[in-house]
Structures are given as structure tokens and as C-alpha cells.
């Protein structure tokens, strides 16, 4: 797992546009799930900026080895097995 992220000075309008694009989907309005590859997030905006945006929106974030899962619902989450 890499903690590499662009330095704050490299965040451009592109980073904000990328985040807007990620969260401009039906899942955010219907309580669905968004999936993004960890390496894409780190390359485009960095982990911290991504986590901050998920938290700002009141969503929950899970991470697997290769993917972030954003749960766009504030209800309970049960890990079944």
C-alpha cells in the first residue's frame, strides 16, 4: 500500500474536477456504492484529499487491496463474512 500522493502544490483544477466527476453519479443520490482503484485515487488527487471529500459528503469509505468503496448511505454496514 502506497501513501504516495501529489504534493498540495500540484493539486490543480484537474484534481477538483476529477473528484466532482467521481461524485456526480446516481449512487450519491440513491445511497449506492462507488468503486475506484486505489492507484487511480493516489495518482489523481491523493489519499488525503479523497478521504476528506468522502467525509465532507457524510459517506463512508472502505478499502480493499486494490479498491476504495464509497458507501453513499449513512445506514448500518454489516460485514457478513
PDB file of N, CA and C in Angstrom:
ATOM      1  N   UNK A   1       0.843  -1.173   0.000  1.00  0.00           N
ATOM      2  CA  UNK A   1       0.000   0.000   0.000  1.00  0.00           C
ATOM      3  C   UNK A   1       0.888   1.235   0.000  1.00  0.00           C
ATOM      4  N   UNK A   2       0.601   2.104  -0.897  1.00  0.00           N
ATOM      5  CA  UNK A   2       1.422   3.298  -1.032  1.00  0.00           C
ATOM      6  C   UNK A   2       0.716   4.493  -0.421  1.00  0.00           C
ATOM      7  N   UNK A   3       1.487   5.300   0.272  1.00  0.00           N
ATOM      8  CA  UNK A   3       0.951   6.548   0.802  1.00  0.00           C
ATOM      9  C   UNK A   3       1.374   7.712  -0.072  1.00  0.00           C
ATOM     10  N   UNK A   4       1.904   7.393  -1.242  1.00  0.00           N
ATOM     11  CA  UNK A   4       2.350   8.443  -2.133  1.00  0.00           C
ATOM     12  C   UNK A   4       1.155   9.240  -2.626  1.00  0.00           C
ATOM     13  N   UNK A   5       1.331  10.534  -2.668  1.00  0.00           N
ATOM     14  CA  UNK A   5       0.279  11.418  -3.158  1.00  0.00           C
ATOM     15  C   UNK A   5       0.942  12.651  -3.721  1.00  0.00           C
ATOM     16  N   UNK A   6       0.274  13.293  -4.654  1.00  0.00           N
ATOM     17  CA  UNK A   6       0.835  14.543  -5.149  1.00  0.00           C
ATOM     18  C   UNK A   6       0.960  15.536  -4.008  1.00  0.00           C
ATOM     19  N   UNK A   7       1.968  16.386  -4.087  1.00  0.00           N
ATOM     20  CA  UNK A   7       2.090  17.416  -3.064  1.00  0.00           C
ATOM     21  C   UNK A   7       0.939  18.402  -3.232  1.00  0.00           C
ATOM     22  N   UNK A   8       0.528  19.076  -2.143  1.00  0.00           N
ATOM     23  CA  UNK A   8      -0.586  20.015  -2.240  1.00  0.00           C
ATOM     24  C   UNK A   8      -0.380  21.062  -3.326  1.00  0.00           C
ATOM     25  N   UNK A   9       0.861  21.415  -3.602  1.00  0.00           N
ATOM     26  CA  UNK A   9       1.127  22.422  -4.627  1.00  0.00           C
ATOM     27  C   UNK A   9       0.748  21.926  -6.022  1.00  0.00           C
ATOM     28  N   UNK A  10       0.712  20.599  -6.218  1.00  0.00           N
ATOM     29  CA  UNK A  10       0.392  20.065  -7.539  1.00  0.00           C
ATOM     30  C   UNK A  10      -1.103  19.866  -7.751  1.00  0.00           C
ATOM     31  N   UNK A  11      -1.908  20.056  -6.720  1.00  0.00           N
ATOM     32  CA  UNK A  11      -3.343  19.918  -6.909  1.00  0.00           C
ATOM     33  C   UNK A  11      -3.820  21.043  -7.804  1.00  0.00           C
ATOM     34  N   UNK A  12      -4.435  20.674  -8.861  1.00  0.00           N
ATOM     35  CA  UNK A  12      -4.878  21.649  -9.834  1.00  0.00           C
ATOM     36  C   UNK A  12      -6.394  21.596  -9.941  1.00  0.00           C
ATOM     37  N   UNK A  13      -6.878  22.379 -10.831  1.00  0.00           N
ATOM     38  CA  UNK A  13      -8.310  22.335 -11.135  1.00  0.00           C
ATOM     39  C   UNK A  13      -8.689  20.915 -11.552  1.00  0.00           C
ATOM     40  N   UNK A  14      -7.749  20.219 -12.187  1.00  0.00           N
ATOM     41  CA  UNK A  14      -7.999  18.845 -12.611  1.00  0.00           C
ATOM     42  C   UNK A  14      -8.395  17.962 -11.426  1.00  0.00           C
ATOM     43  N   UNK A  15      -7.695  18.094 -10.301  1.00  0.00           N
ATOM     44  CA  UNK A  15      -7.996  17.267  -9.129  1.00  0.00           C
ATOM     45  C   UNK A  15      -9.421  17.515  -8.648  1.00  0.00           C
ATOM     46  N   UNK A  16      -9.809  18.759  -8.586  1.00  0.00           N
ATOM     47  CA  UNK A  16     -11.169  19.079  -8.141  1.00  0.00           C
ATOM     48  C   UNK A  16     -12.206  18.601  -9.155  1.00  0.00           C
ATOM     49  N   UNK A  17     -11.894  18.735 -10.427  1.00  0.00           N
ATOM     50  CA  UNK A  17     -12.799  18.236 -11.470  1.00  0.00           C
ATOM     51  C   UNK A  17     -12.927  16.721 -11.388  1.00  0.00           C
ATOM     52  N   UNK A  18     -11.805  16.036 -11.115  1.00  0.00           N
ATOM     53  CA  UNK A  18     -11.830  14.582 -11.008  1.00  0.00           C
ATOM     54  C   UNK A  18     -12.739  14.150  -9.860  1.00  0.00           C
ATOM     55  N   UNK A  19     -12.602  14.816  -8.702  1.00  0.00           N
ATOM     56  CA  UNK A  19     -13.461  14.499  -7.558  1.00  0.00           C
ATOM     57  C   UNK A  19     -14.926  14.783  -7.872  1.00  0.00           C
ATOM     58  N   UNK A  20     -15.196  15.915  -8.495  1.00  0.00           N
ATOM     59  CA  UNK A  20     -16.579  16.236  -8.867  1.00  0.00           C
ATOM     60  C   UNK A  20     -17.150  15.158  -9.780  1.00  0.00           C
ATOM     61  N   UNK A  21     -16.339  14.678 -10.708  1.00  0.00           N
ATOM     62  CA  UNK A  21     -16.788  13.639 -11.627  1.00  0.00           C
ATOM     63  C   UNK A  21     -17.077  12.326 -10.888  1.00  0.00           C
ATOM     64  N   UNK A  22     -16.218  11.964  -9.934  1.00  0.00           N
ATOM     65  CA  UNK A  22     -16.426  10.732  -9.159  1.00  0.00           C
ATOM     66  C   UNK A  22     -17.770  10.781  -8.435  1.00  0.00           C
ATOM     67  N   UNK A  23     -18.068  11.931  -7.837  1.00  0.00           N
ATOM     68  CA  UNK A  23     -19.268  12.034  -7.014  1.00  0.00           C
ATOM     69  C   UNK A  23     -20.498  12.535  -7.772  1.00  0.00           C
ATOM     70  N   UNK A  24     -20.359  12.736  -9.066  1.00  0.00           N
ATOM     71  CA  UNK A  24     -21.501  13.144  -9.881  1.00  0.00           C
ATOM     72  C   UNK A  24     -22.067  11.899 -10.567  1.00  0.00           C
ATOM     73  N   UNK A  25     -22.727  11.095  -9.758  1.00  0.00           N
ATOM     74  CA  UNK A  25     -23.305   9.859 -10.283  1.00  0.00           C
ATOM     75  C   UNK A  25     -24.579   9.542  -9.494  1.00  0.00           C
ATOM     76  N   UNK A  26     -25.337   8.646 -10.016  1.00  0.00           N
ATOM     77  CA  UNK A  26     -26.611   8.281  -9.398  1.00  0.00           C
ATOM     78  C   UNK A  26     -26.436   7.692  -8.001  1.00  0.00           C
ATOM     79  N   UNK A  27     -25.331   6.976  -7.782  1.00  0.00           N
ATOM     80  CA  UNK A  27     -25.089   6.323  -6.488  1.00  0.00           C
ATOM     81  C   UNK A  27     -25.112   7.326  -5.343  1.00  0.00           C
ATOM     82  N   UNK A  28     -24.632   8.531  -5.567  1.00  0.00           N
ATOM     83  CA  UNK A  28     -24.604   9.524  -4.493  1.00  0.00           C
ATOM     84  C   UNK A  28     -26.001   9.974  -4.115  1.00  0.00           C
ATOM     85  N   UNK A  29     -26.940   9.859  -5.028  1.00  0.00           N
ATOM     86  CA  UNK A  29     -28.309  10.294  -4.769  1.00  0.00           C
ATOM     87  C   UNK A  29     -29.206   9.164  -4.285  1.00  0.00           C
ATOM     88  N   UNK A  30     -28.807   7.929  -4.561  1.00  0.00           N
ATOM     89  CA  UNK A  30     -29.667   6.794  -4.233  1.00  0.00           C
ATOM     90  C   UNK A  30     -29.128   5.916  -3.109  1.00  0.00           C
ATOM     91  N   UNK A  31     -28.006   6.313  -2.508  1.00  0.00           N
ATOM     92  CA  UNK A  31     -27.442   5.504  -1.435  1.00  0.00           C
ATOM     93  C   UNK A  31     -26.676   4.310  -1.941  1.00  0.00           C
ATOM     94  N   UNK A  32     -26.134   4.405  -3.135  1.00  0.00           N
ATOM     95  CA  UNK A  32     -25.386   3.312  -3.734  1.00  0.00           C
ATOM     96  C   UNK A  32     -23.938   3.264  -3.307  1.00  0.00           C
ATOM     97  N   UNK A  33     -23.159   2.549  -4.087  1.00  0.00           N
ATOM     98  CA  UNK A  33     -21.743   2.351  -3.800  1.00  0.00           C
ATOM     99  C   UNK A  33     -20.928   2.779  -5.020  1.00  0.00           C
ATOM    100  N   UNK A  34     -19.843   3.490  -4.768  1.00  0.00           N
ATOM    101  CA  UNK A  34     -18.901   3.891  -5.814  1.00  0.00           C
ATOM    102  C   UNK A  34     -17.609   3.126  -5.573  1.00  0.00           C
ATOM    103  N   UNK A  35     -16.995   2.637  -6.649  1.00  0.00           N
ATOM    104  CA  UNK A  35     -15.725   1.929  -6.527  1.00  0.00           C
ATOM    105  C   UNK A  35     -14.689   2.622  -7.393  1.00  0.00           C
ATOM    106  N   UNK A  36     -13.509   2.857  -6.814  1.00  0.00           N
ATOM    107  CA  UNK A  36     -12.392   3.437  -7.555  1.00  0.00           C
ATOM    108  C   UNK A  36     -11.109   2.708  -7.186  1.00  0.00           C
ATOM    109  N   UNK A  37     -10.222   2.531  -8.140  1.00  0.00           N
ATOM    110  CA  UNK A  37      -8.950   1.882  -7.873  1.00  0.00           C
ATOM    111  C   UNK A  37      -8.070   2.774  -7.012  1.00  0.00           C
ATOM    112  N   UNK A  38      -7.391   2.159  -6.047  1.00  0.00           N
ATOM    113  CA  UNK A  38      -6.503   2.882  -5.146  1.00  0.00           C
ATOM    114  C   UNK A  38      -5.450   3.641  -5.942  1.00  0.00           C
ATOM    115  N   UNK A  39      -4.843   2.998  -6.930  1.00  0.00           N
ATOM    116  CA  UNK A  39      -3.781   3.663  -7.682  1.00  0.00           C
ATOM    117  C   UNK A  39      -4.304   4.859  -8.470  1.00  0.00           C
ATOM    118  N   UNK A  40      -5.553   4.810  -8.930  1.00  0.00           N
ATOM    119  CA  UNK A  40      -6.132   5.955  -9.630  1.00  0.00           C
ATOM    120  C   UNK A  40      -6.345   7.130  -8.682  1.00  0.00           C
ATOM    121  N   UNK A  41      -6.852   6.835  -7.490  1.00  0.00           N
ATOM    122  CA  UNK A  41      -7.076   7.889  -6.498  1.00  0.00           C
ATOM    123  C   UNK A  41      -5.750   8.544  -6.124  1.00  0.00           C
ATOM    124  N   UNK A  42      -4.742   7.732  -5.866  1.00  0.00           N
ATOM    125  CA  UNK A  42      -3.444   8.278  -5.475  1.00  0.00           C
ATOM    126  C   UNK A  42      -2.822   9.103  -6.589  1.00  0.00           C
ATOM    127  N   UNK A  43      -3.009   8.675  -7.824  1.00  0.00           N
ATOM    128  CA  UNK A  43      -2.452   9.399  -8.962  1.00  0.00           C
ATOM    129  C   UNK A  43      -3.192  10.718  -9.219  1.00  0.00           C
ATOM    130  N   UNK A  44      -4.510  10.696  -9.093  1.00  0.00           N
ATOM    131  CA  UNK A  44      -5.313  11.859  -9.475  1.00  0.00           C
ATOM    132  C   UNK A  44      -5.408  12.928  -8.389  1.00  0.00           C
ATOM    133  N   UNK A  45      -5.622  12.511  -7.131  1.00  0.00           N
ATOM    134  CA  UNK A  45      -5.865  13.506  -6.072  1.00  0.00           C
ATOM    135  C   UNK A  45      -5.130  13.235  -4.774  1.00  0.00           C
ATOM    136  N   UNK A  46      -4.667  12.014  -4.578  1.00  0.00           N
ATOM    137  CA  UNK A  46      -4.026  11.655  -3.319  1.00  0.00           C
ATOM    138  C   UNK A  46      -5.044  11.173  -2.297  1.00  0.00           C
ATOM    139  N   UNK A  47      -4.572  10.313  -1.420  1.00  0.00           N
ATOM    140  CA  UNK A  47      -5.459   9.682  -0.432  1.00  0.00           C
ATOM    141  C   UNK A  47      -6.120  10.696   0.499  1.00  0.00           C
ATOM    142  N   UNK A  48      -5.352  11.629   1.016  1.00  0.00           N
ATOM    143  CA  UNK A  48      -5.882  12.581   1.997  1.00  0.00           C
ATOM    144  C   UNK A  48      -7.016  13.419   1.407  1.00  0.00           C
ATOM    145  N   UNK A  49      -6.803  13.964   0.226  1.00  0.00           N
ATOM    146  CA  UNK A  49      -7.842  14.780  -0.401  1.00  0.00           C
ATOM    147  C   UNK A  49      -9.096  13.947  -0.664  1.00  0.00           C
ATOM    148  N   UNK A  50      -8.898  12.708  -1.093  1.00  0.00           N
ATOM    149  CA  UNK A  50     -10.019  11.805  -1.363  1.00  0.00           C
ATOM    150  C   UNK A  50     -10.789  11.499  -0.080  1.00  0.00           C
ATOM    151  N   UNK A  51     -10.063  11.125   0.978  1.00  0.00           N
ATOM    152  CA  UNK A  51     -10.707  10.832   2.261  1.00  0.00           C
ATOM    153  C   UNK A  51     -11.460  12.047   2.790  1.00  0.00           C
ATOM    154  N   UNK A  52     -10.849  13.218   2.677  1.00  0.00           N
ATOM    155  CA  UNK A  52     -11.511  14.441   3.154  1.00  0.00           C
ATOM    156  C   UNK A  52     -12.816  14.698   2.409  1.00  0.00           C
ATOM    157  N   UNK A  53     -12.828  14.448   1.109  1.00  0.00           N
ATOM    158  CA  UNK A  53     -14.039  14.684   0.314  1.00  0.00           C
ATOM    159  C   UNK A  53     -15.131  13.683   0.663  1.00  0.00           C
ATOM    160  N   UNK A  54     -14.760  12.428   0.866  1.00  0.00           N
ATOM    161  CA  UNK A  54     -15.749  11.416   1.269  1.00  0.00           C
ATOM    162  C   UNK A  54     -16.357  11.813   2.613  1.00  0.00           C
ATOM    163  N   UNK A  55     -15.519  12.201   3.547  1.00  0.00           N
ATOM    164  CA  UNK A  55     -16.000  12.585   4.877  1.00  0.00           C
ATOM    165  C   UNK A  55     -16.868  13.848   4.811  1.00  0.00           C
ATOM    166  N   UNK A  56     -16.461  14.816   4.007  1.00  0.00           N
ATOM    167  CA  UNK A  56     -17.229  16.059   3.860  1.00  0.00           C
ATOM    168  C   UNK A  56     -18.650  15.773   3.381  1.00  0.00           C
ATOM    169  N   UNK A  57     -18.790  14.780   2.545  1.00  0.00           N
ATOM    170  CA  UNK A  57     -20.097  14.424   1.996  1.00  0.00           C
ATOM    171  C   UNK A  57     -20.904  13.524   2.932  1.00  0.00           C
ATOM    172  N   UNK A  58     -20.308  13.102   4.036  1.00  0.00           N
ATOM    173  CA  UNK A  58     -21.022  12.267   5.003  1.00  0.00           C
ATOM    174  C   UNK A  58     -21.117  10.811   4.589  1.00  0.00           C
ATOM    175  N   UNK A  59     -20.258  10.380   3.667  1.00  0.00           N
ATOM    176  CA  UNK A  59     -20.248   8.992   3.215  1.00  0.00           C
ATOM    177  C   UNK A  59     -19.224   8.210   4.024  1.00  0.00           C
ATOM    178  N   UNK A  60     -19.195   6.891   3.820  1.00  0.00           N
ATOM    179  CA  UNK A  60     -18.215   6.033   4.484  1.00  0.00           C
ATOM    180  C   UNK A  60     -17.300   5.427   3.439  1.00  0.00           C
ATOM    181  N   UNK A  61     -16.070   5.162   3.849  1.00  0.00           N
ATOM    182  CA  UNK A  61     -15.046   4.692   2.915  1.00  0.00           C
ATOM    183  C   UNK A  61     -14.454   3.380   3.411  1.00  0.00           C
ATOM    184  N   UNK A  62     -14.414   2.403   2.527  1.00  0.00           N
ATOM    185  CA  UNK A  62     -13.766   1.119   2.795  1.00  0.00           C
ATOM    186  C   UNK A  62     -12.637   0.959   1.792  1.00  0.00           C
ATOM    187  N   UNK A  63     -11.614   0.220   2.187  1.00  0.00           N
ATOM    188  CA  UNK A  63     -10.513  -0.028   1.272  1.00  0.00           C
ATOM    189  C   UNK A  63     -10.206  -1.511   1.245  1.00  0.00           C
ATOM    190  N   UNK A  64     -10.100  -2.043   0.040  1.00  0.00           N
ATOM    191  CA  UNK A  64      -9.595  -3.391  -0.149  1.00  0.00           C
ATOM    192  C   UNK A  64      -8.161  -3.256  -0.639  1.00  0.00           C
ATOM    193  N   UNK A  65      -7.580  -4.333  -1.055  1.00  0.00           N
ATOM    194  CA  UNK A  65      -6.192  -4.262  -1.527  1.00  0.00           C
ATOM    195  C   UNK A  65      -6.048  -3.292  -2.705  1.00  0.00           C
ATOM    196  N   UNK A  66      -7.004  -3.310  -3.628  1.00  0.00           N
ATOM    197  CA  UNK A  66      -6.861  -2.529  -4.857  1.00  0.00           C
ATOM    198  C   UNK A  66      -7.952  -1.490  -5.089  1.00  0.00           C
ATOM    199  N   UNK A  67      -8.972  -1.483  -4.246  1.00  0.00           N
ATOM    200  CA  UNK A  67     -10.100  -0.583  -4.493  1.00  0.00           C
ATOM    201  C   UNK A  67     -10.551   0.160  -3.244  1.00  0.00           C
ATOM    202  N   UNK A  68     -11.049   1.356  -3.477  1.00  0.00           N
ATOM    203  CA  UNK A  68     -11.810   2.085  -2.463  1.00  0.00           C
ATOM    204  C   UNK A  68     -13.281   1.850  -2.777  1.00  0.00           C
ATOM    205  N   UNK A  69     -14.061   1.632  -1.745  1.00  0.00           N
ATOM    206  CA  UNK A  69     -15.513   1.524  -1.876  1.00  0.00           C
ATOM    207  C   UNK A  69     -16.119   2.646  -1.056  1.00  0.00           C
ATOM    208  N   UNK A  70     -16.895   3.477  -1.707  1.00  0.00           N
ATOM    209  CA  UNK A  70     -17.557   4.587  -1.034  1.00  0.00           C
ATOM    210  C   UNK A  70     -19.016   4.217  -0.878  1.00  0.00           C
ATOM    211  N   UNK A  71     -19.463   4.116   0.349  1.00  0.00           N
ATOM    212  CA  UNK A  71     -20.861   3.806   0.632  1.00  0.00           C
ATOM    213  C   UNK A  71     -21.579   5.138   0.802  1.00  0.00           C
ATOM    214  N   UNK A  72     -22.475   5.422  -0.119  1.00  0.00           N
ATOM    215  CA  UNK A  72     -23.181   6.709  -0.150  1.00  0.00           C
ATOM    216  C   UNK A  72     -24.480   6.628   0.649  1.00  0.00           C
ATOM    217  N   UNK A  73     -24.412   6.005   1.799  1.00  0.00           N
ATOM    218  CA  UNK A  73     -25.573   5.797   2.667  1.00  0.00           C
ATOM    219  C   UNK A  73     -25.073   5.818   4.100  1.00  0.00           C
ATOM    220  N   UNK A  74     -25.801   6.488   4.966  1.00  0.00           N
ATOM    221  CA  UNK A  74     -25.358   6.588   6.351  1.00  0.00           C
ATOM    222  C   UNK A  74     -25.945   5.498   7.238  1.00  0.00           C
ATOM    223  N   UNK A  75     -26.669   4.548   6.657  1.00  0.00           N
ATOM    224  CA  UNK A  75     -27.241   3.453   7.418  1.00  0.00           C
ATOM    225  C   UNK A  75     -26.168   2.451   7.839  1.00  0.00           C
ATOM    226  N   UNK A  76     -26.583   1.433   8.587  1.00  0.00           N
ATOM    227  CA  UNK A  76     -25.630   0.444   9.085  1.00  0.00           C
ATOM    228  C   UNK A  76     -24.960  -0.340   7.965  1.00  0.00           C
ATOM    229  N   UNK A  77     -23.742  -0.771   8.231  1.00  0.00           N
ATOM    230  CA  UNK A  77     -22.987  -1.636   7.320  1.00  0.00           C
ATOM    231  C   UNK A  77     -22.662  -2.898   8.098  1.00  0.00           C
ATOM    232  N   UNK A  78     -23.036  -4.023   7.577  1.00  0.00           N
ATOM    233  CA  UNK A  78     -22.745  -5.319   8.205  1.00  0.00           C
ATOM    234  C   UNK A  78     -21.755  -6.096   7.335  1.00  0.00           C
ATOM    235  N   UNK A  79     -20.640  -6.476   7.893  1.00  0.00           N
ATOM    236  CA  UNK A  79     -19.689  -7.337   7.221  1.00  0.00           C
ATOM    237  C   UNK A  79     -20.119  -8.770   7.525  1.00  0.00           C
ATOM    238  N   UNK A  80     -20.579  -9.478   6.518  1.00  0.00           N
ATOM    239  CA  UNK A  80     -21.198 -10.786   6.748  1.00  0.00           C
ATOM    240  C   UNK A  80     -20.176 -11.913   6.862  1.00  0.00           C
ATOM    241  N   UNK A  81     -19.124 -11.899   6.111  1.00  0.00           N
ATOM    242  CA  UNK A  81     -18.033 -12.865   6.224  1.00  0.00           C
ATOM    243  C   UNK A  81     -16.900 -12.446   5.355  1.00  0.00           C
TER     244      UNK A  81
END
